[in-house]
Amino acid sequence: MTRILADLPDEDLEKLDALAASNRTSRAATIRAAVKLYLSQRGDDRSWIDRGYGLWADRDDLSDSVSYQRAIRDDRAPGEDV
């Protein structure tokens, strides 16, 4: 385990100490638990592709991708670069 040094505002440190006392844990154990929870909620263990997969699946305002591409292509003049 690696030791780190972190600067916290006094009011955050007071809240951290109160939380540690109410859970009957040390300040360090409370910080470790908070970091673990933060990292698990962020989902950083998945790639950006996995995190975005299915994000728009429930959107009713979007047509299928081929229709979208055709509409975009029809909106430009023939031979005009995108």
PDB file of N, CA and C in Angstrom:
ATOM      1  N   MET A   1       0.855  -1.163   0.000  1.00  0.00           N
ATOM      2  CA  MET A   1       0.000   0.000   0.000  1.00  0.00           C
ATOM      3  C   MET A   1       0.905   1.231   0.000  1.00  0.00           C
ATOM      4  N   THR A   2       0.524   2.231  -0.782  1.00  0.00           N
ATOM      5  CA  THR A   2       1.302   3.451  -0.906  1.00  0.00           C
ATOM      6  C   THR A   2       0.703   4.549  -0.040  1.00  0.00           C
ATOM      7  N   ARG A   3       1.547   5.298   0.596  1.00  0.00           N
ATOM      8  CA  ARG A   3       1.116   6.430   1.408  1.00  0.00           C
ATOM      9  C   ARG A   3       1.102   7.672   0.538  1.00  0.00           C
ATOM     10  N   ILE A   4       0.045   8.495   0.683  1.00  0.00           N
ATOM     11  CA  ILE A   4      -0.055   9.733  -0.081  1.00  0.00           C
ATOM     12  C   ILE A   4      -0.261  10.907   0.857  1.00  0.00           C
ATOM     13  N   LEU A   5      -0.056  12.091   0.329  1.00  0.00           N
ATOM     14  CA  LEU A   5      -0.290  13.329   1.071  1.00  0.00           C
ATOM     15  C   LEU A   5      -1.338  14.117   0.308  1.00  0.00           C
ATOM     16  N   ALA A   6      -2.391  14.532   0.980  1.00  0.00           N
ATOM     17  CA  ALA A   6      -3.458  15.292   0.325  1.00  0.00           C
ATOM     18  C   ALA A   6      -3.846  16.474   1.196  1.00  0.00           C
ATOM     19  N   ASP A   7      -4.091  17.604   0.553  1.00  0.00           N
ATOM     20  CA  ASP A   7      -4.550  18.801   1.259  1.00  0.00           C
ATOM     21  C   ASP A   7      -6.062  18.884   1.159  1.00  0.00           C
ATOM     22  N   LEU A   8      -6.728  19.049   2.301  1.00  0.00           N
ATOM     23  CA  LEU A   8      -8.180  19.175   2.347  1.00  0.00           C
ATOM     24  C   LEU A   8      -8.554  20.443   3.087  1.00  0.00           C
ATOM     25  N   PRO A   9      -9.643  21.084   2.688  1.00  0.00           N
ATOM     26  CA  PRO A   9     -10.124  22.228   3.458  1.00  0.00           C
ATOM     27  C   PRO A   9     -10.518  21.787   4.867  1.00  0.00           C
ATOM     28  N   ASP A  10     -10.385  22.691   5.816  1.00  0.00           N
ATOM     29  CA  ASP A  10     -10.678  22.356   7.217  1.00  0.00           C
ATOM     30  C   ASP A  10     -12.090  21.835   7.410  1.00  0.00           C
ATOM     31  N   GLU A  11     -13.068  22.446   6.736  1.00  0.00           N
ATOM     32  CA  GLU A  11     -14.459  22.002   6.923  1.00  0.00           C
ATOM     33  C   GLU A  11     -14.677  20.589   6.387  1.00  0.00           C
ATOM     34  N   ASP A  12     -13.977  20.222   5.299  1.00  0.00           N
ATOM     35  CA  ASP A  12     -14.079  18.856   4.785  1.00  0.00           C
ATOM     36  C   ASP A  12     -13.420  17.861   5.734  1.00  0.00           C
ATOM     37  N   LEU A  13     -12.318  18.262   6.322  1.00  0.00           N
ATOM     38  CA  LEU A  13     -11.622  17.400   7.267  1.00  0.00           C
ATOM     39  C   LEU A  13     -12.469  17.155   8.516  1.00  0.00           C
ATOM     40  N   GLU A  14     -13.168  18.186   8.969  1.00  0.00           N
ATOM     41  CA  GLU A  14     -14.057  18.019  10.129  1.00  0.00           C
ATOM     42  C   GLU A  14     -15.175  17.029   9.814  1.00  0.00           C
ATOM     43  N   LYS A  15     -15.747  17.142   8.619  1.00  0.00           N
ATOM     44  CA  LYS A  15     -16.813  16.214   8.220  1.00  0.00           C
ATOM     45  C   LYS A  15     -16.274  14.795   8.063  1.00  0.00           C
ATOM     46  N   LEU A  16     -15.070  14.685   7.528  1.00  0.00           N
ATOM     47  CA  LEU A  16     -14.437  13.375   7.368  1.00  0.00           C
ATOM     48  C   LEU A  16     -14.200  12.729   8.732  1.00  0.00           C
ATOM     49  N   ASP A  17     -13.687  13.501   9.670  1.00  0.00           N
ATOM     50  CA  ASP A  17     -13.443  12.968  11.017  1.00  0.00           C
ATOM     51  C   ASP A  17     -14.746  12.563  11.696  1.00  0.00           C
ATOM     52  N   ALA A  18     -15.806  13.344  11.491  1.00  0.00           N
ATOM     53  CA  ALA A  18     -17.104  13.002  12.084  1.00  0.00           C
ATOM     54  C   ALA A  18     -17.648  11.710  11.482  1.00  0.00           C
ATOM     55  N   LEU A  19     -17.491  11.560  10.166  1.00  0.00           N
ATOM     56  CA  LEU A  19     -17.940  10.341   9.510  1.00  0.00           C
ATOM     57  C   LEU A  19     -17.141   9.131   9.983  1.00  0.00           C
ATOM     58  N   ALA A  20     -15.840   9.296  10.098  1.00  0.00           N
ATOM     59  CA  ALA A  20     -14.992   8.201  10.578  1.00  0.00           C
ATOM     60  C   ALA A  20     -15.370   7.805  12.004  1.00  0.00           C
ATOM     61  N   ALA A  21     -15.624   8.792  12.841  1.00  0.00           N
ATOM     62  CA  ALA A  21     -16.002   8.510  14.232  1.00  0.00           C
ATOM     63  C   ALA A  21     -17.350   7.793  14.303  1.00  0.00           C
ATOM     64  N   SER A  22     -18.301   8.226  13.457  1.00  0.00           N
ATOM     65  CA  SER A  22     -19.620   7.586  13.498  1.00  0.00           C
ATOM     66  C   SER A  22     -19.566   6.148  12.979  1.00  0.00           C
ATOM     67  N   ASN A  23     -18.630   5.869  12.074  1.00  0.00           N
ATOM     68  CA  ASN A  23     -18.462   4.505  11.562  1.00  0.00           C
ATOM     69  C   ASN A  23     -17.458   3.689  12.364  1.00  0.00           C
ATOM     70  N   ARG A  24     -16.852   4.346  13.352  1.00  0.00           N
ATOM     71  CA  ARG A  24     -15.826   3.713  14.199  1.00  0.00           C
ATOM     72  C   ARG A  24     -14.677   3.153  13.358  1.00  0.00           C
ATOM     73  N   THR A  25     -14.243   3.966  12.397  1.00  0.00           N
ATOM     74  CA  THR A  25     -13.098   3.617  11.561  1.00  0.00           C
ATOM     75  C   THR A  25     -12.093   4.747  11.619  1.00  0.00           C
ATOM     76  N   SER A  26     -10.930   4.493  11.107  1.00  0.00           N
ATOM     77  CA  SER A  26      -9.914   5.549  11.078  1.00  0.00           C
ATOM     78  C   SER A  26     -10.177   6.500   9.909  1.00  0.00           C
ATOM     79  N   ARG A  27      -9.531   7.636   9.956  1.00  0.00           N
ATOM     80  CA  ARG A  27      -9.623   8.597   8.865  1.00  0.00           C
ATOM     81  C   ARG A  27      -9.126   7.959   7.564  1.00  0.00           C
ATOM     82  N   ALA A  28      -8.018   7.235   7.640  1.00  0.00           N
ATOM     83  CA  ALA A  28      -7.444   6.604   6.453  1.00  0.00           C
ATOM     84  C   ALA A  28      -8.382   5.553   5.867  1.00  0.00           C
ATOM     85  N   ALA A  29      -9.011   4.753   6.730  1.00  0.00           N
ATOM     86  CA  ALA A  29      -9.941   3.730   6.245  1.00  0.00           C
ATOM     87  C   ALA A  29     -11.155   4.371   5.585  1.00  0.00           C
ATOM     88  N   THR A  30     -11.609   5.487   6.115  1.00  0.00           N
ATOM     89  CA  THR A  30     -12.744   6.198   5.529  1.00  0.00           C
ATOM     90  C   THR A  30     -12.379   6.762   4.165  1.00  0.00           C
ATOM     91  N   ILE A  31     -11.183   7.306   4.042  1.00  0.00           N
ATOM     92  CA  ILE A  31     -10.730   7.836   2.747  1.00  0.00           C
ATOM     93  C   ILE A  31     -10.582   6.703   1.738  1.00  0.00           C
ATOM     94  N   ARG A  32     -10.019   5.562   2.153  1.00  0.00           N
ATOM     95  CA  ARG A  32      -9.880   4.418   1.247  1.00  0.00           C
ATOM     96  C   ARG A  32     -11.245   3.954   0.738  1.00  0.00           C
ATOM     97  N   ALA A  33     -12.219   3.892   1.639  1.00  0.00           N
ATOM     98  CA  ALA A  33     -13.566   3.471   1.248  1.00  0.00           C
ATOM     99  C   ALA A  33     -14.192   4.477   0.283  1.00  0.00           C
ATOM    100  N   ALA A  34     -13.968   5.764   0.532  1.00  0.00           N
ATOM    101  CA  ALA A  34     -14.527   6.801  -0.335  1.00  0.00           C
ATOM    102  C   ALA A  34     -13.916   6.745  -1.730  1.00  0.00           C
ATOM    103  N   VAL A  35     -12.618   6.533  -1.810  1.00  0.00           N
ATOM    104  CA  VAL A  35     -11.946   6.447  -3.111  1.00  0.00           C
ATOM    105  C   VAL A  35     -12.427   5.215  -3.865  1.00  0.00           C
ATOM    106  N   LYS A  36     -12.560   4.101  -3.169  1.00  0.00           N
ATOM    107  CA  LYS A  36     -13.031   2.862  -3.805  1.00  0.00           C
ATOM    108  C   LYS A  36     -14.446   3.039  -4.346  1.00  0.00           C
ATOM    109  N   LEU A  37     -15.317   3.668  -3.572  1.00  0.00           N
ATOM    110  CA  LEU A  37     -16.688   3.915  -4.008  1.00  0.00           C
ATOM    111  C   LEU A  37     -16.710   4.855  -5.209  1.00  0.00           C
ATOM    112  N   TYR A  38     -15.926   5.912  -5.162  1.00  0.00           N
ATOM    113  CA  TYR A  38     -15.851   6.878  -6.262  1.00  0.00           C
ATOM    114  C   TYR A  38     -15.413   6.198  -7.559  1.00  0.00           C
ATOM    115  N   LEU A  39     -14.383   5.404  -7.488  1.00  0.00           N
ATOM    116  CA  LEU A  39     -13.871   4.740  -8.686  1.00  0.00           C
ATOM    117  C   LEU A  39     -14.860   3.717  -9.237  1.00  0.00           C
ATOM    118  N   SER A  40     -15.564   3.022  -8.362  1.00  0.00           N
ATOM    119  CA  SER A  40     -16.536   2.034  -8.832  1.00  0.00           C
ATOM    120  C   SER A  40     -17.728   2.706  -9.497  1.00  0.00           C
ATOM    121  N   GLN A  41     -18.115   3.872  -9.029  1.00  0.00           N
ATOM    122  CA  GLN A  41     -19.249   4.581  -9.619  1.00  0.00           C
ATOM    123  C   GLN A  41     -18.898   5.215 -10.958  1.00  0.00           C
ATOM    124  N   ARG A  42     -17.653   5.558 -11.145  1.00  0.00           N
ATOM    125  CA  ARG A  42     -17.229   6.166 -12.412  1.00  0.00           C
ATOM    126  C   ARG A  42     -17.175   5.144 -13.535  1.00  0.00           C
ATOM    127  N   GLY A  43     -16.953   3.903 -13.221  1.00  0.00           N
ATOM    128  CA  GLY A  43     -16.903   2.864 -14.236  1.00  0.00           C
ATOM    129  C   GLY A  43     -15.697   2.987 -15.142  1.00  0.00           C
ATOM    130  N   ASP A  44     -14.595   3.454 -14.619  1.00  0.00           N
ATOM    131  CA  ASP A  44     -13.405   3.666 -15.429  1.00  0.00           C
ATOM    132  C   ASP A  44     -12.746   2.375 -15.885  1.00  0.00           C
ATOM    133  N   ASP A  45     -13.211   1.254 -15.388  1.00  0.00           N
ATOM    134  CA  ASP A  45     -12.601  -0.006 -15.793  1.00  0.00           C
ATOM    135  C   ASP A  45     -13.103  -0.450 -17.165  1.00  0.00           C
ATOM    136  N   ARG A  46     -14.102   0.260 -17.686  1.00  0.00           N
ATOM    137  CA  ARG A  46     -14.605  -0.064 -19.020  1.00  0.00           C
ATOM    138  C   ARG A  46     -14.070   0.953 -20.028  1.00  0.00           C
ATOM    139  N   SER A  47     -13.966   0.561 -21.270  1.00  0.00           N
ATOM    140  CA  SER A  47     -13.504   1.482 -22.302  1.00  0.00           C
ATOM    141  C   SER A  47     -14.596   2.504 -22.612  1.00  0.00           C
ATOM    142  N   TRP A  48     -14.251   3.563 -23.304  1.00  0.00           N
ATOM    143  CA  TRP A  48     -15.244   4.581 -23.650  1.00  0.00           C
ATOM    144  C   TRP A  48     -16.300   3.998 -24.589  1.00  0.00           C
ATOM    145  N   ILE A  49     -15.949   3.011 -25.352  1.00  0.00           N
ATOM    146  CA  ILE A  49     -16.925   2.371 -26.239  1.00  0.00           C
ATOM    147  C   ILE A  49     -17.947   1.604 -25.403  1.00  0.00           C
ATOM    148  N   ASP A  50     -17.466   0.845 -24.425  1.00  0.00           N
ATOM    149  CA  ASP A  50     -18.375   0.088 -23.560  1.00  0.00           C
ATOM    150  C   ASP A  50     -19.273   1.015 -22.748  1.00  0.00           C
ATOM    151  N   ARG A  51     -18.723   2.134 -22.277  1.00  0.00           N
ATOM    152  CA  ARG A  51     -19.535   3.070 -21.496  1.00  0.00           C
ATOM    153  C   ARG A  51     -20.617   3.728 -22.349  1.00  0.00           C
ATOM    154  N   GLY A  52     -20.355   3.913 -23.639  1.00  0.00           N
ATOM    155  CA  GLY A  52     -21.325   4.570 -24.504  1.00  0.00           C
ATOM    156  C   GLY A  52     -22.287   3.635 -25.201  1.00  0.00           C
ATOM    157  N   TYR A  53     -22.017   2.331 -25.136  1.00  0.00           N
ATOM    158  CA  TYR A  53     -22.851   1.363 -25.856  1.00  0.00           C
ATOM    159  C   TYR A  53     -24.295   1.423 -25.365  1.00  0.00           C
ATOM    160  N   GLY A  54     -25.211   1.609 -26.302  1.00  0.00           N
ATOM    161  CA  GLY A  54     -26.634   1.609 -25.975  1.00  0.00           C
ATOM    162  C   GLY A  54     -27.143   2.893 -25.372  1.00  0.00           C
ATOM    163  N   LEU A  55     -26.320   3.919 -25.340  1.00  0.00           N
ATOM    164  CA  LEU A  55     -26.709   5.171 -24.700  1.00  0.00           C
ATOM    165  C   LEU A  55     -27.935   5.794 -25.355  1.00  0.00           C
ATOM    166  N   TRP A  56     -28.066   5.653 -26.662  1.00  0.00           N
ATOM    167  CA  TRP A  56     -29.187   6.253 -27.379  1.00  0.00           C
ATOM    168  C   TRP A  56     -30.226   5.224 -27.771  1.00  0.00           C
ATOM    169  N   ALA A  57     -30.185   4.053 -27.217  1.00  0.00           N
ATOM    170  CA  ALA A  57     -31.078   2.963 -27.630  1.00  0.00           C
ATOM    171  C   ALA A  57     -32.550   3.298 -27.426  1.00  0.00           C
ATOM    172  N   ASP A  58     -32.881   4.057 -26.419  1.00  0.00           N
ATOM    173  CA  ASP A  58     -34.280   4.350 -26.107  1.00  0.00           C
ATOM    174  C   ASP A  58     -34.774   5.654 -26.719  1.00  0.00           C
ATOM    175  N   ARG A  59     -33.959   6.277 -27.569  1.00  0.00           N
ATOM    176  CA  ARG A  59     -34.367   7.549 -28.181  1.00  0.00           C
ATOM    177  C   ARG A  59     -35.362   7.284 -29.304  1.00  0.00           C
ATOM    178  N   ASP A  60     -36.544   7.897 -29.206  1.00  0.00           N
ATOM    179  CA  ASP A  60     -37.573   7.733 -30.229  1.00  0.00           C
ATOM    180  C   ASP A  60     -37.455   8.779 -31.330  1.00  0.00           C
ATOM    181  N   ASP A  61     -36.696   9.836 -31.083  1.00  0.00           N
ATOM    182  CA  ASP A  61     -36.600  10.921 -32.046  1.00  0.00           C
ATOM    183  C   ASP A  61     -35.551  10.671 -33.120  1.00  0.00           C
ATOM    184  N   LEU A  62     -34.829   9.573 -33.048  1.00  0.00           N
ATOM    185  CA  LEU A  62     -33.793   9.254 -34.023  1.00  0.00           C
ATOM    186  C   LEU A  62     -34.240   8.096 -34.902  1.00  0.00           C
ATOM    187  N   SER A  63     -34.001   8.252 -36.189  1.00  0.00           N
ATOM    188  CA  SER A  63     -34.295   7.142 -37.094  1.00  0.00           C
ATOM    189  C   SER A  63     -33.073   6.230 -37.161  1.00  0.00           C
ATOM    190  N   ASP A  64     -33.129   5.250 -38.021  1.00  0.00           N
ATOM    191  CA  ASP A  64     -31.975   4.364 -38.128  1.00  0.00           C
ATOM    192  C   ASP A  64     -30.813   5.098 -38.793  1.00  0.00           C
ATOM    193  N   SER A  65     -29.624   4.591 -38.645  1.00  0.00           N
ATOM    194  CA  SER A  65     -28.415   5.288 -39.090  1.00  0.00           C
ATOM    195  C   SER A  65     -28.353   5.457 -40.597  1.00  0.00           C
ATOM    196  N   VAL A  66     -28.855   4.507 -41.363  1.00  0.00           N
ATOM    197  CA  VAL A  66     -28.826   4.616 -42.823  1.00  0.00           C
ATOM    198  C   VAL A  66     -29.726   5.771 -43.275  1.00  0.00           C
ATOM    199  N   SER A  67     -30.903   5.879 -42.693  1.00  0.00           N
ATOM    200  CA  SER A  67     -31.787   6.996 -43.031  1.00  0.00           C
ATOM    201  C   SER A  67     -31.148   8.326 -42.677  1.00  0.00           C
ATOM    202  N   TYR A  68     -30.484   8.365 -41.552  1.00  0.00           N
ATOM    203  CA  TYR A  68     -29.795   9.583 -41.134  1.00  0.00           C
ATOM    204  C   TYR A  68     -28.697   9.954 -42.134  1.00  0.00           C
ATOM    205  N   GLN A  69     -27.900   8.981 -42.546  1.00  0.00           N
ATOM    206  CA  GLN A  69     -26.831   9.242 -43.510  1.00  0.00           C
ATOM    207  C   GLN A  69     -27.390   9.730 -44.840  1.00  0.00           C
ATOM    208  N   ARG A  70     -28.464   9.129 -45.297  1.00  0.00           N
ATOM    209  CA  ARG A  70     -29.070   9.567 -46.567  1.00  0.00           C
ATOM    210  C   ARG A  70     -29.585  10.994 -46.456  1.00  0.00           C
ATOM    211  N   ALA A  71     -30.201  11.322 -45.334  1.00  0.00           N
ATOM    212  CA  ALA A  71     -30.709  12.679 -45.144  1.00  0.00           C
ATOM    213  C   ALA A  71     -29.580  13.693 -45.123  1.00  0.00           C
ATOM    214  N   ILE A  72     -28.495  13.356 -44.490  1.00  0.00           N
ATOM    215  CA  ILE A  72     -27.338  14.258 -44.455  1.00  0.00           C
ATOM    216  C   ILE A  72     -26.755  14.425 -45.853  1.00  0.00           C
ATOM    217  N   ARG A  73     -26.642  13.343 -46.581  1.00  0.00           N
ATOM    218  CA  ARG A  73     -26.066  13.401 -47.935  1.00  0.00           C
ATOM    219  C   ARG A  73     -26.959  14.180 -48.887  1.00  0.00           C
ATOM    220  N   ASP A  74     -28.273  14.051 -48.728  1.00  0.00           N
ATOM    221  CA  ASP A  74     -29.195  14.781 -49.593  1.00  0.00           C
ATOM    222  C   ASP A  74     -29.164  16.275 -49.317  1.00  0.00           C
ATOM    223  N   ASP A  75     -28.687  16.656 -48.176  1.00  0.00           N
ATOM    224  CA  ASP A  75     -28.674  18.058 -47.772  1.00  0.00           C
ATOM    225  C   ASP A  75     -27.520  18.830 -48.408  1.00  0.00           C
ATOM    226  N   ARG A  76     -26.604  18.128 -49.068  1.00  0.00           N
ATOM    227  CA  ARG A  76     -25.475  18.813 -49.692  1.00  0.00           C
ATOM    228  C   ARG A  76     -25.576  18.716 -51.198  1.00  0.00           C
ATOM    229  N   ALA A  77     -24.895  19.628 -51.855  1.00  0.00           N
ATOM    230  CA  ALA A  77     -24.902  19.641 -53.309  1.00  0.00           C
ATOM    231  C   ALA A  77     -24.088  18.469 -53.841  1.00  0.00           C
ATOM    232  N   PRO A  78     -24.427  17.964 -55.009  1.00  0.00           N
ATOM    233  CA  PRO A  78     -23.645  16.857 -55.588  1.00  0.00           C
ATOM    234  C   PRO A  78     -22.185  17.241 -55.763  1.00  0.00           C
ATOM    235  N   GLY A  79     -21.295  16.367 -55.354  1.00  0.00           N
ATOM    236  CA  GLY A  79     -19.867  16.618 -55.458  1.00  0.00           C
ATOM    237  C   GLY A  79     -19.304  17.483 -54.351  1.00  0.00           C
ATOM    238  N   GLU A  80     -20.152  17.997 -53.488  1.00  0.00           N
ATOM    239  CA  GLU A  80     -19.660  18.833 -52.378  1.00  0.00           C
ATOM    240  C   GLU A  80     -19.091  17.942 -51.290  1.00  0.00           C
ATOM    241  N   ASP A  81     -17.918  18.308 -50.805  1.00  0.00           N
ATOM    242  CA  ASP A  81     -17.301  17.537 -49.732  1.00  0.00           C
ATOM    243  C   ASP A  81     -18.014  17.784 -48.416  1.00  0.00           C
ATOM    244  N   VAL A  82     -18.030  16.778 -47.618  1.00  0.00           N
ATOM    245  CA  VAL A  82     -18.669  16.887 -46.297  1.00  0.00           C
ATOM    246  C   VAL A  82     -17.762  17.631 -45.353  1.00  0.00           C
TER     247      VAL A  82
END
